[in-house]
């Protein structure tokens, strides 16, 4: 009896982890596309998503941290010609995701420099 209970708990646990991993990859891909377009057009940044870590908060909510590498494109109005070392940044964002099992919606907030 104990074996069956432990086995069921492991199966449920692994299925939740797998679901979170798939969701994380889909959200990461979506954010990458959005940030590449938005940051390049508005700020002249070329953006690469380094990582996204999501954890299941409750119900259909997930929270996490997004790490990016952003470089000011030479020729953009924000490019620093006086100090070219001031054009390369790593950032972290807070990420909130709502997922209904089929569709997700995310919100990025709290952009900050990464140490």
Protein backbone atom coordinates (compact mmCIF):
# COMPACT_ATOMS: atom_id res chain seq x y z
CA UNK A 1 0.00 0.00 0.00
CA UNK A 2 2.80 2.44 0.91
CA UNK A 3 4.58 1.58 -2.33
CA UNK A 4 1.52 2.48 -4.41
CA UNK A 5 1.06 5.77 -2.55
CA UNK A 6 4.73 6.75 -3.01
CA UNK A 7 4.56 5.73 -6.67
CA UNK A 8 1.47 7.90 -7.28
CA UNK A 9 3.08 10.89 -5.53
CA UNK A 10 6.19 10.51 -7.72
CA UNK A 11 4.14 10.31 -10.92
CA UNK A 12 2.13 13.41 -10.01
CA UNK A 13 5.28 15.28 -9.02
CA UNK A 14 7.10 14.44 -12.25
CA UNK A 15 4.11 15.37 -14.40
CA UNK A 16 3.92 18.79 -12.72
CA UNK A 17 7.65 19.39 -13.25
CA UNK A 18 7.36 18.39 -16.91
CA UNK A 19 4.36 20.70 -17.40
CA UNK A 20 6.26 23.60 -15.80
CA UNK A 21 9.30 22.93 -18.02
CA UNK A 22 7.18 22.98 -21.18
CA UNK A 23 5.40 26.15 -20.06
CA UNK A 24 8.76 27.77 -19.23
CA UNK A 25 10.13 27.07 -22.72
CA UNK A 26 7.00 28.43 -24.40
CA UNK A 27 6.95 31.59 -22.29
CA UNK A 28 10.71 32.09 -22.83
CA UNK A 29 10.27 31.85 -26.61
CA UNK A 30 7.38 34.34 -26.56
CA UNK A 31 9.29 36.82 -24.38
CA UNK A 32 12.39 36.50 -26.58
CA UNK A 33 10.39 37.50 -29.65
CA UNK A 34 8.69 40.41 -27.88
CA UNK A 35 11.85 41.83 -26.29
CA UNK A 36 13.89 41.56 -29.48
CA UNK A 37 11.38 43.69 -31.39
CA UNK A 38 10.45 46.11 -28.59
CA UNK A 39 13.94 46.80 -27.24
CA UNK A 40 15.48 47.22 -30.68
CA UNK A 41 12.81 49.64 -31.93
CA UNK A 42 12.53 51.74 -28.78
CA UNK A 43 15.97 51.61 -27.15
CA UNK A 44 18.33 50.26 -29.79
CA UNK A 45 19.10 47.17 -27.67
CA UNK A 46 19.83 43.78 -29.15
CA UNK A 47 18.37 41.38 -26.60
CA UNK A 48 19.14 37.75 -25.81
CA UNK A 49 17.18 35.82 -23.19
CA UNK A 50 19.71 33.91 -21.10
CA UNK A 51 17.32 32.04 -18.83
CA UNK A 52 13.84 31.89 -17.41
CA UNK A 53 13.10 30.13 -14.14
CA UNK A 54 9.43 29.60 -13.29
CA UNK A 55 7.87 28.03 -10.21
CA UNK A 56 4.26 27.09 -9.67
CA UNK A 57 2.78 29.56 -7.18
CA UNK A 58 -0.81 28.36 -6.87
CA UNK A 59 -3.76 27.33 -8.98
CA UNK A 60 -2.92 28.61 -12.48
CA UNK A 61 -0.25 31.15 -11.45
CA UNK A 62 3.50 30.90 -11.93
CA UNK A 63 6.23 33.35 -10.91
CA UNK A 64 9.85 33.58 -11.88
CA UNK A 65 12.98 35.45 -12.88
CA UNK A 66 14.03 36.25 -16.44
CA UNK A 67 17.71 36.97 -17.15
CA UNK A 68 18.71 38.85 -20.31
CA UNK A 69 21.83 40.14 -22.02
CA UNK A 70 21.19 43.44 -23.79
CA UNK A 71 23.63 45.36 -25.98
CA UNK A 72 23.08 48.85 -27.34
CA UNK A 73 23.35 48.69 -31.09
CA UNK A 74 25.97 51.00 -32.56
CA UNK A 75 24.23 53.81 -34.39
CA UNK A 76 21.18 53.88 -32.11
CA UNK A 77 20.37 57.16 -30.40
CA UNK A 78 21.20 55.63 -27.00
CA UNK A 79 24.63 54.26 -27.97
CA UNK A 80 27.36 55.66 -25.71
CA UNK A 81 30.24 56.70 -27.97
CA UNK A 82 32.18 58.30 -25.09
CA UNK A 83 32.36 55.06 -23.10
CA UNK A 84 31.80 52.03 -25.32
CA UNK A 85 31.97 49.71 -22.28
CA UNK A 86 28.67 51.31 -21.19
CA UNK A 87 26.69 49.57 -23.94
CA UNK A 88 26.57 45.99 -22.64
CA UNK A 89 24.19 44.98 -19.83
CA UNK A 90 22.74 42.00 -18.01
CA UNK A 91 19.26 42.48 -16.57
CA UNK A 92 16.76 40.59 -14.47
CA UNK A 93 12.99 40.90 -14.74
CA UNK A 94 10.23 39.59 -12.48
CA UNK A 95 7.81 37.41 -14.44
CA UNK A 96 4.21 36.54 -13.58
CA UNK A 97 2.42 33.95 -15.71
CA UNK A 98 -1.20 32.84 -15.78
CA UNK A 99 -1.76 29.52 -17.55
CA UNK A 100 -5.12 27.85 -18.13
CA UNK A 101 -3.71 24.61 -19.50
CA UNK A 102 -3.81 25.77 -23.12
CA UNK A 103 -2.99 29.49 -23.25
CA UNK A 104 -0.73 31.67 -21.15
CA UNK A 105 -0.36 35.35 -20.43
CA UNK A 106 2.75 36.86 -18.90
CA UNK A 107 3.72 40.15 -17.34
CA UNK A 108 7.28 41.48 -17.05
CA UNK A 109 8.07 43.93 -14.26
CA UNK A 110 10.86 45.02 -11.96
CA UNK A 111 13.65 45.37 -14.54
CA UNK A 112 16.97 45.71 -12.73
CA UNK A 113 20.69 45.40 -13.38
CA UNK A 114 22.18 42.03 -12.62
CA UNK A 115 25.33 42.08 -10.53
